[in-house]
Protein backbone atom coordinates (compact mmCIF):
# COMPACT_ATOMS: atom_id res chain seq x y z
CA UNK A 1 13.92 -3.14 0.31
CA UNK A 2 10.38 -1.92 -0.44
CA UNK A 3 8.59 -3.54 -3.37
CA UNK A 4 7.56 -1.37 -6.28
CA UNK A 5 3.90 -1.51 -5.24
CA UNK A 6 4.72 -0.52 -1.66
CA UNK A 7 6.92 2.32 -2.85
CA UNK A 8 4.24 3.64 -5.22
CA UNK A 9 1.67 3.64 -2.41
CA UNK A 10 4.14 5.41 -0.11
CA UNK A 11 4.77 8.08 -2.74
CA UNK A 12 1.01 8.57 -3.05
CA UNK A 13 0.79 9.29 0.69
CA UNK A 14 3.79 11.61 0.56
CA UNK A 15 2.30 13.52 -2.37
CA UNK A 16 -1.03 14.01 -0.65
CA UNK A 17 0.72 15.37 2.43
CA UNK A 18 2.96 17.68 0.37
CA UNK A 19 0.15 18.95 -1.86
CA UNK A 20 -2.07 19.48 1.17
CA UNK A 21 0.70 21.61 2.68
CA UNK A 22 1.40 23.56 -0.51
CA UNK A 23 -2.27 24.22 -1.34
CA UNK A 24 -3.83 25.70 1.83
CA UNK A 25 -7.33 27.14 1.91
CA UNK A 26 -8.06 30.84 2.44
CA UNK A 27 -11.18 32.48 3.86
CA UNK A 28 -11.87 34.91 1.00
CA UNK A 29 -13.64 34.50 -2.35
CA UNK A 30 -10.56 32.71 -3.72
CA UNK A 31 -11.39 29.75 -1.47
CA UNK A 32 -13.60 28.19 -4.17
CA UNK A 33 -10.66 28.30 -6.60
CA UNK A 34 -8.41 26.67 -4.01
CA UNK A 35 -11.00 23.98 -3.33
CA UNK A 36 -11.06 23.19 -7.05
CA UNK A 37 -7.25 23.05 -7.14
CA UNK A 38 -7.25 20.59 -4.26
CA UNK A 39 -10.10 18.56 -5.76
CA UNK A 40 -8.10 17.95 -8.93
CA UNK A 41 -4.73 17.26 -7.32
CA UNK A 42 -5.28 15.52 -3.96
CA UNK A 43 -6.26 11.89 -3.41
CA UNK A 44 -6.07 10.63 -6.95
CA UNK A 45 -4.00 9.08 -9.70
CA UNK A 46 -1.10 6.67 -9.64
CA UNK A 47 1.44 9.43 -8.81
CA UNK A 48 3.79 7.88 -11.36
CA UNK A 49 5.50 11.17 -12.22
CA UNK A 50 6.25 12.03 -8.57
CA UNK A 51 7.48 8.45 -8.13
CA UNK A 52 9.90 8.93 -11.02
CA UNK A 53 11.14 12.22 -9.55
CA UNK A 54 11.78 10.71 -6.13
CA UNK A 55 13.48 7.58 -7.47
CA UNK A 56 15.67 9.59 -9.83
CA UNK A 57 16.61 12.04 -7.07
CA UNK A 58 17.38 9.13 -4.79
CA UNK A 59 20.12 8.00 -7.16
CA UNK A 60 22.03 11.15 -6.21
CA UNK A 61 21.11 11.32 -2.51
CA UNK A 62 19.14 14.53 -2.96
CA UNK A 63 17.32 16.00 0.03
CA UNK A 64 13.81 14.72 0.71
CA UNK A 65 12.44 18.26 1.05
CA UNK A 66 13.70 19.39 -2.37
CA UNK A 67 12.75 16.13 -4.09
CA UNK A 68 9.18 16.27 -2.75
CA UNK A 69 8.79 19.87 -3.89
CA UNK A 70 9.87 19.00 -7.43
CA UNK A 71 7.57 15.97 -7.39
CA UNK A 72 4.67 18.15 -6.23
CA UNK A 73 5.39 20.74 -8.92
CA UNK A 74 5.25 18.22 -11.73
CA UNK A 75 2.07 16.69 -10.29
CA UNK A 76 0.48 20.15 -10.27
CA UNK A 77 1.33 20.58 -13.95
CA UNK A 78 0.02 17.11 -14.75
CA UNK A 79 -3.23 17.72 -12.87
CA UNK A 80 -3.75 21.12 -14.51
CA UNK A 81 -3.36 19.45 -17.90
CA UNK A 82 -6.03 16.88 -17.01
CA UNK A 83 -8.46 19.58 -15.87
CA UNK A 84 -8.09 21.43 -19.17
CA UNK A 85 -8.03 18.22 -21.23
CA UNK A 86 -11.42 17.21 -19.79
CA UNK A 87 -13.13 20.50 -20.69
CA UNK A 88 -15.95 20.55 -23.27
CA UNK A 89 -13.68 22.47 -25.67
CA UNK A 90 -11.15 19.63 -25.51
CA UNK A 91 -12.13 15.99 -24.81
CA UNK A 92 -15.42 16.80 -23.05
CA UNK A 93 -15.08 14.10 -20.38
CA UNK A 94 -17.39 13.62 -17.41
CA UNK A 95 -15.21 11.23 -15.40
CA UNK A 96 -11.63 11.42 -14.17
CA UNK A 97 -10.01 9.13 -11.59
CA UNK A 98 -13.38 7.56 -10.91
CA UNK A 99 -15.25 10.74 -10.03
CA UNK A 100 -16.74 13.79 -11.80
CA UNK A 101 -14.27 15.95 -13.71
CA UNK A 102 -13.50 19.40 -12.31
CA UNK A 103 -15.87 21.27 -14.62
CA UNK A 104 -18.67 18.93 -13.57
CA UNK A 105 -17.89 19.12 -9.86
CA UNK A 106 -17.56 22.93 -9.98
CA UNK A 107 -18.18 24.76 -13.28
CA UNK A 108 -16.21 25.46 -16.46
CA UNK A 109 -14.87 28.86 -15.42
CA UNK A 110 -13.67 27.60 -12.03
CA UNK A 111 -12.10 24.55 -13.66
CA UNK A 112 -10.17 26.72 -16.13
CA UNK A 113 -8.96 29.03 -13.38
CA UNK A 114 -7.96 26.12 -11.14
CA UNK A 115 -5.83 24.70 -13.96
CA UNK A 116 -4.24 28.10 -14.51
CA UNK A 117 -3.50 28.39 -10.80
CA UNK A 118 -2.01 24.89 -10.52
CA UNK A 119 0.33 25.60 -13.42
CA UNK A 120 1.45 28.89 -11.90
CA UNK A 121 1.85 27.37 -8.44
CA UNK A 122 4.20 24.71 -9.84
CA UNK A 123 6.75 27.33 -10.86
CA UNK A 124 6.38 29.16 -7.56
CA UNK A 125 7.29 25.89 -5.81
CA UNK A 126 10.30 25.19 -8.04
CA UNK A 127 11.62 28.74 -7.60
CA UNK A 128 11.41 28.57 -3.80
CA UNK A 129 14.71 28.42 -1.94
CA UNK A 130 13.51 25.30 -0.10
CA UNK A 131 13.71 23.37 -3.37
CA UNK A 132 17.50 23.74 -3.63
CA UNK A 133 20.12 26.00 -2.09
CA UNK A 134 21.75 26.64 -5.48
CA UNK A 135 19.81 29.27 -7.48
CA UNK A 136 21.23 27.86 -10.73
CA UNK A 137 19.65 24.49 -9.99
CA UNK A 138 16.30 26.15 -9.29
CA UNK A 139 16.59 28.15 -12.50
CA UNK A 140 17.40 24.99 -14.48
CA UNK A 141 14.38 23.20 -13.02
CA UNK A 142 12.08 26.10 -13.93
CA UNK A 143 13.49 26.22 -17.46
CA UNK A 144 13.24 22.46 -18.01
CA UNK A 145 9.65 22.24 -16.73
CA UNK A 146 8.66 25.24 -18.87
CA UNK A 147 10.11 23.58 -21.97
CA UNK A 148 8.41 20.28 -21.14
CA UNK A 149 5.05 21.94 -20.51
CA UNK A 150 4.74 24.64 -23.17
CA UNK A 151 4.39 25.01 -26.92
CA UNK A 152 7.36 22.70 -27.57
CA UNK A 153 6.15 20.17 -25.06
CA UNK A 154 2.84 19.10 -23.56
CA UNK A 155 0.68 22.01 -24.73
CA UNK A 156 2.16 21.81 -28.23
CA UNK A 157 1.34 18.12 -28.24
CA UNK A 158 -2.25 18.87 -27.26
CA UNK A 159 -2.53 21.30 -30.18
CA UNK A 160 -1.08 18.62 -32.45
CA UNK A 161 -3.74 16.23 -31.13
CA UNK A 162 -6.55 18.70 -31.81
CA UNK A 163 -5.35 19.14 -35.40
CA UNK A 164 -4.70 15.44 -36.00
CA UNK A 165 -7.92 14.98 -37.97
CA UNK A 166 -6.64 17.40 -40.60
CA UNK A 167 -3.18 15.84 -40.86
CA UNK A 168 -1.60 12.71 -42.32
CA UNK A 169 -1.14 10.72 -39.14
CA UNK A 170 1.24 7.83 -39.66
CA UNK A 171 3.32 6.11 -36.96
CA UNK A 172 6.13 8.75 -36.98
CA UNK A 173 3.55 11.54 -36.67
CA UNK A 174 1.71 9.86 -33.78
CA UNK A 175 5.05 9.14 -32.12
CA UNK A 176 6.10 12.80 -32.32
CA UNK A 177 2.70 13.98 -31.07
CA UNK A 178 2.83 11.69 -28.06
CA UNK A 179 6.45 12.54 -27.29
CA UNK A 180 5.31 16.14 -26.97
CA UNK A 181 1.97 15.56 -25.26
CA UNK A 182 3.02 12.85 -22.79
CA UNK A 183 6.70 12.06 -23.16
CA UNK A 184 8.20 15.45 -22.37
CA UNK A 185 6.63 15.66 -18.91
CA UNK A 186 7.67 12.09 -18.11
CA UNK A 187 11.17 12.96 -19.28
CA UNK A 188 11.28 15.95 -16.95
CA UNK A 189 10.16 13.76 -14.05
CA UNK A 190 13.02 11.33 -14.67
CA UNK A 191 15.69 13.89 -15.50
CA UNK A 192 14.84 16.28 -12.66
CA UNK A 193 16.70 14.04 -10.21
CA UNK A 194 19.83 14.54 -12.27
CA UNK A 195 19.32 18.31 -12.19
CA UNK A 196 18.77 18.31 -8.42
CA UNK A 197 21.78 16.07 -7.86
CA UNK A 198 24.06 17.83 -10.36
CA UNK A 199 24.61 14.50 -12.11
CA UNK A 200 27.50 13.79 -14.44
CA UNK A 201 26.79 14.08 -18.20
CA UNK A 202 26.86 10.29 -18.68
CA UNK A 203 24.29 9.84 -15.91
CA UNK A 204 22.03 12.57 -17.34
CA UNK A 205 22.23 10.90 -20.75
CA UNK A 206 21.25 7.52 -19.27
CA UNK A 207 18.22 9.06 -17.56
CA UNK A 208 17.21 10.85 -20.75
CA UNK A 209 17.37 7.64 -22.82
CA UNK A 210 15.40 5.71 -20.19
CA UNK A 211 12.75 8.45 -20.06
CA UNK A 212 12.40 8.53 -23.86
CA UNK A 213 11.58 4.82 -24.10
CA UNK A 214 9.45 4.89 -20.94
CA UNK A 215 7.30 7.76 -22.23
CA UNK A 216 6.61 6.01 -25.51
CA UNK A 217 5.82 2.73 -23.77
CA UNK A 218 3.44 4.61 -21.46
CA UNK A 219 1.46 6.08 -24.35
CA UNK A 220 1.22 2.82 -26.27
CA UNK A 221 -0.07 1.18 -23.08
CA UNK A 222 -2.60 4.03 -22.74
CA UNK A 223 -3.83 3.40 -26.28
CA UNK A 224 -4.17 -0.31 -25.49
CA UNK A 225 -6.17 0.50 -22.33
CA UNK A 226 -8.51 2.68 -24.39
CA UNK A 227 -9.34 -0.45 -26.39
CA UNK A 228 -9.20 -3.19 -23.75
CA UNK A 229 -9.88 -1.36 -20.48
CA UNK A 230 -13.20 -0.84 -18.77
CA UNK A 231 -14.36 2.48 -17.38
CA UNK A 232 -14.70 1.28 -13.78
CA UNK A 233 -11.10 0.06 -13.63
CA UNK A 234 -9.48 2.81 -15.70
CA UNK A 235 -11.39 5.55 -13.89
CA UNK A 236 -12.25 7.51 -17.02
CA UNK A 237 -14.09 7.03 -20.29
CA UNK A 238 -12.66 4.43 -22.67
CA UNK A 239 -13.10 3.81 -26.39
CA UNK A 240 -13.29 7.50 -27.19
CA UNK A 241 -10.32 7.50 -29.56
CA UNK A 242 -11.87 4.80 -31.72
CA UNK A 243 -15.27 6.53 -31.63
CA UNK A 244 -13.63 9.77 -32.79
CA UNK A 245 -11.63 8.00 -35.50
CA UNK A 246 -8.35 9.24 -34.01
CA UNK A 247 -5.07 7.72 -35.13
CA UNK A 248 -3.40 5.85 -32.27
CA UNK A 249 -0.63 3.28 -32.00
CA UNK A 250 -3.30 0.58 -31.83
CA UNK A 251 -5.20 1.80 -34.88
CA UNK A 252 -1.98 2.08 -36.90
CA UNK A 253 -0.09 -0.99 -35.69
CA UNK A 254 -2.91 -3.28 -34.64
CA UNK A 255 -3.45 -4.47 -31.08
CA UNK A 256 -0.89 -7.30 -31.03
CA UNK A 257 1.89 -5.31 -32.70
CA UNK A 258 1.24 -2.43 -30.30
CA UNK A 259 1.62 -4.81 -27.34
CA UNK A 260 4.84 -6.19 -28.80
CA UNK A 261 6.20 -2.67 -29.29
CA UNK A 262 5.35 -1.64 -25.75
CA UNK A 263 7.03 -4.76 -24.37
CA UNK A 264 10.15 -4.07 -26.43
CA UNK A 265 10.29 -0.46 -25.26
CA UNK A 266 10.15 -1.15 -21.52
CA UNK A 267 12.85 -3.81 -21.84
CA UNK A 268 14.96 -1.37 -23.85
CA UNK A 269 14.35 1.40 -21.30
CA UNK A 270 15.76 -0.57 -18.37
CA UNK A 271 19.01 -1.29 -20.20
CA UNK A 272 19.82 2.42 -20.10
CA UNK A 273 19.96 2.21 -16.29
CA UNK A 274 22.94 -0.17 -16.14
CA UNK A 275 25.16 2.73 -15.07
CA UNK A 276 23.21 2.95 -11.80
CA UNK A 277 23.41 -0.79 -10.93
CA UNK A 278 20.88 -2.06 -8.33
CA UNK A 279 20.12 1.46 -7.08
CA UNK A 280 17.78 1.87 -10.07
CA UNK A 281 15.81 -1.36 -9.51
CA UNK A 282 12.57 0.46 -8.69
CA UNK A 283 12.90 2.52 -11.88
CA UNK A 284 13.30 -0.75 -13.76
CA UNK A 285 10.14 -2.09 -12.16
CA UNK A 286 8.34 1.15 -13.00
CA UNK A 287 9.02 0.57 -16.70
CA UNK A 288 7.40 -2.87 -16.55
CA UNK A 289 4.48 -1.50 -14.52
CA UNK A 290 3.80 1.20 -17.12
CA UNK A 291 3.18 -1.45 -19.77
CA UNK A 292 1.33 -4.01 -17.65
CA UNK A 293 -0.95 -1.64 -15.69
CA UNK A 294 -4.73 -2.02 -15.95
CA UNK A 295 -5.61 1.58 -15.12
């Protein structure tokens, strides 16, 4: 059996190949837009969300073609969110994944349009008949990703984050904000395998519970990295939350309590996978990786 590290690297290769196939270049004026889309989505990141899709789908013996398309769709949404998050109107970052952000490598207008196009492309991919032969499954995937990405999911969480300075941000508020901003997309990644595989209700519930704890552990670990990480390793600016006076799990709980909470959450997450026995071992290892990662 492949180790977690080997599997994650393999998923990275698979994603690059799939994204390269799904994002071809044209010869017209739109080529610059497509180059920006590829710049922000190829050859970068840990590919954790695609990994979660493929491992979840593997529990139900889903087809490789359909699983890869769903994984690519969620990575497109994730990458679009990073492009927009880095813009001067948002976090105003110069570095992402160890290289210039999209608006620095191209320009602001092209970066915005490339994010728009990646988001739109994701739903085109999910709706394609190659994703699943059952139109109801494709419809469910489109609906679930829309809910995870929109005003009641990731984008709503980003708005929450922008308004945080005007709000009373205690631990429950930060938890809700991060569940929207980060957790909902991670949840879709995990639960999409159950949608593809038409999983039983008990199995869907187990994946949902695992994803909930995993998403929260991921964000706490991110807050810890913003304090303890270095820019070269993390691949983006660090310390910005503290400089901006933003409420985070670390600022509210303290560094040691935040670490304890993250450790408790990943251990709690893996217990939800008991229903899948050893078939879910790589998902269990993913939960530990999320907390212990250095980038």
